[in-house]
Protein backbone atom coordinates (compact mmCIF):
# COMPACT_ATOMS: atom_id res chain seq x y z
CA VAL A 1 -82.44 -80.70 -44.70
CA GLY A 2 -85.01 -79.32 -47.14
CA SER A 3 -88.41 -78.09 -46.27
CA GLU A 4 -91.56 -80.06 -47.00
CA LYS A 5 -92.35 -77.64 -49.85
CA GLU A 6 -88.96 -78.30 -51.50
CA ASN A 7 -89.44 -82.08 -51.28
CA SER A 8 -92.87 -81.98 -52.89
CA SER A 9 -91.66 -79.80 -55.78
CA ALA A 10 -88.74 -82.16 -56.40
CA GLU A 11 -91.17 -85.06 -56.73
CA ASN A 12 -93.13 -83.09 -59.30
CA ASP A 13 -90.05 -82.72 -61.52
CA GLY A 14 -89.76 -86.50 -62.04
CA GLU A 15 -91.71 -89.09 -63.96
CA LEU A 16 -94.29 -89.46 -61.21
CA GLN A 17 -96.44 -86.63 -62.53
CA ILE A 18 -99.86 -87.30 -63.97
CA ASN A 19 -102.14 -85.00 -65.88
CA PHE A 20 -105.26 -84.81 -63.72
CA ASP A 21 -107.50 -83.45 -66.47
CA GLU A 22 -106.36 -86.11 -68.93
CA GLN A 23 -107.02 -88.89 -66.41
CA ILE A 24 -110.52 -87.54 -65.69
CA LYS A 25 -111.22 -87.37 -69.43
CA LYS A 26 -110.09 -90.98 -69.95
CA PHE A 27 -112.13 -92.18 -66.97
CA GLU A 28 -115.25 -90.36 -68.19
CA MET A 29 -114.84 -91.74 -71.71
CA ASP A 30 -114.42 -95.28 -70.37
CA LEU A 31 -117.57 -94.94 -68.23
CA ILE A 32 -119.60 -93.64 -71.17
CA ARG A 33 -118.34 -96.40 -73.47
CA PHE A 34 -119.11 -99.03 -70.83
CA ALA A 35 -122.65 -97.67 -70.35
CA LEU A 36 -123.21 -97.65 -74.12
CA PHE A 37 -121.91 -101.21 -74.35
CA LYS A 38 -124.20 -102.38 -71.52
CA SER A 39 -127.20 -100.62 -73.10
CA GLY A 40 -126.58 -101.88 -76.63
CA GLY A 41 -126.02 -98.32 -77.79
CA LYS A 42 -129.30 -97.01 -76.37
CA GLN A 43 -128.42 -93.59 -75.04
CA THR A 44 -131.49 -93.27 -72.81
CA ASN A 45 -130.60 -96.50 -71.02
CA ALA A 46 -126.93 -95.52 -70.84
CA ALA A 47 -127.89 -92.21 -69.23
CA ARG A 48 -130.02 -94.04 -66.67
CA PHE A 49 -127.17 -96.46 -65.98
CA LEU A 50 -124.85 -93.50 -65.31
CA ASN A 51 -127.55 -91.65 -63.34
CA MET A 52 -127.26 -88.55 -65.53
CA LYS A 53 -129.53 -86.55 -67.79
CA LEU A 54 -129.72 -87.69 -71.40
CA SER A 55 -128.74 -84.19 -72.54
CA THR A 56 -125.59 -84.35 -70.38
CA LEU A 57 -124.66 -87.74 -71.82
CA ASN A 58 -125.22 -86.49 -75.38
CA THR A 59 -123.08 -83.42 -74.72
CA ARG A 60 -120.22 -85.59 -73.48
CA ILE A 61 -120.61 -88.07 -76.34
CA LYS A 62 -120.17 -85.16 -78.76
CA LYS A 63 -117.34 -83.64 -76.70
CA TYR A 64 -115.36 -86.89 -76.73
CA ARG A 65 -116.45 -87.85 -80.27
CA ILE A 66 -117.70 -91.27 -79.18
CA SER A 67 -119.40 -93.26 -81.92
CA VAL A 68 -122.70 -94.55 -80.56
CA ALA A 69 -123.22 -96.69 -83.67
CA ALA A 70 -120.27 -98.86 -82.66
CA PHE A 71 -122.24 -100.01 -79.61
CA LYS A 72 -125.58 -100.69 -81.28
CA SER A 73 -126.64 -104.30 -81.19
CA GLU A 74 -126.48 -106.02 -84.55
CA THR A 75 -128.96 -108.69 -83.50
CA PRO A 76 -131.96 -108.52 -85.84
CA LYS A 77 -135.20 -107.53 -84.16
CA PRO A 78 -138.04 -110.04 -84.28
CA LYS A 79 -140.52 -109.34 -87.04
CA ALA A 80 -144.01 -108.23 -86.20
CA GLU A 81 -146.52 -111.09 -86.09
CA SER A 82 -148.57 -109.56 -88.92
CA GLU A 83 -145.50 -109.35 -91.17
CA TYR A 84 -144.65 -112.95 -90.30
CA ASN A 85 -148.18 -114.18 -91.10
CA ALA A 86 -148.33 -112.20 -94.36
CA ARG A 87 -145.35 -114.14 -95.71
CA ARG A 88 -146.90 -117.56 -94.96
């Protein structure tokens, strides 16, 4: 009969291992991408959504090389009323 320590080390030799740091990185990247998606690529709103400082979000965006442009809304903004009236 093996000790509890021996049993736990045997489990770590198999395929059941996970890389904790890699899982945290993936989770953090997914959260940031989701926040950018929900905010239409607006980093200030994404930071608020995640309840973190904008500088922290920007640091992590750079760290993980996340393209903010991919999340920016492509919907054209409405023209200013003066620009609209000038063309009439």
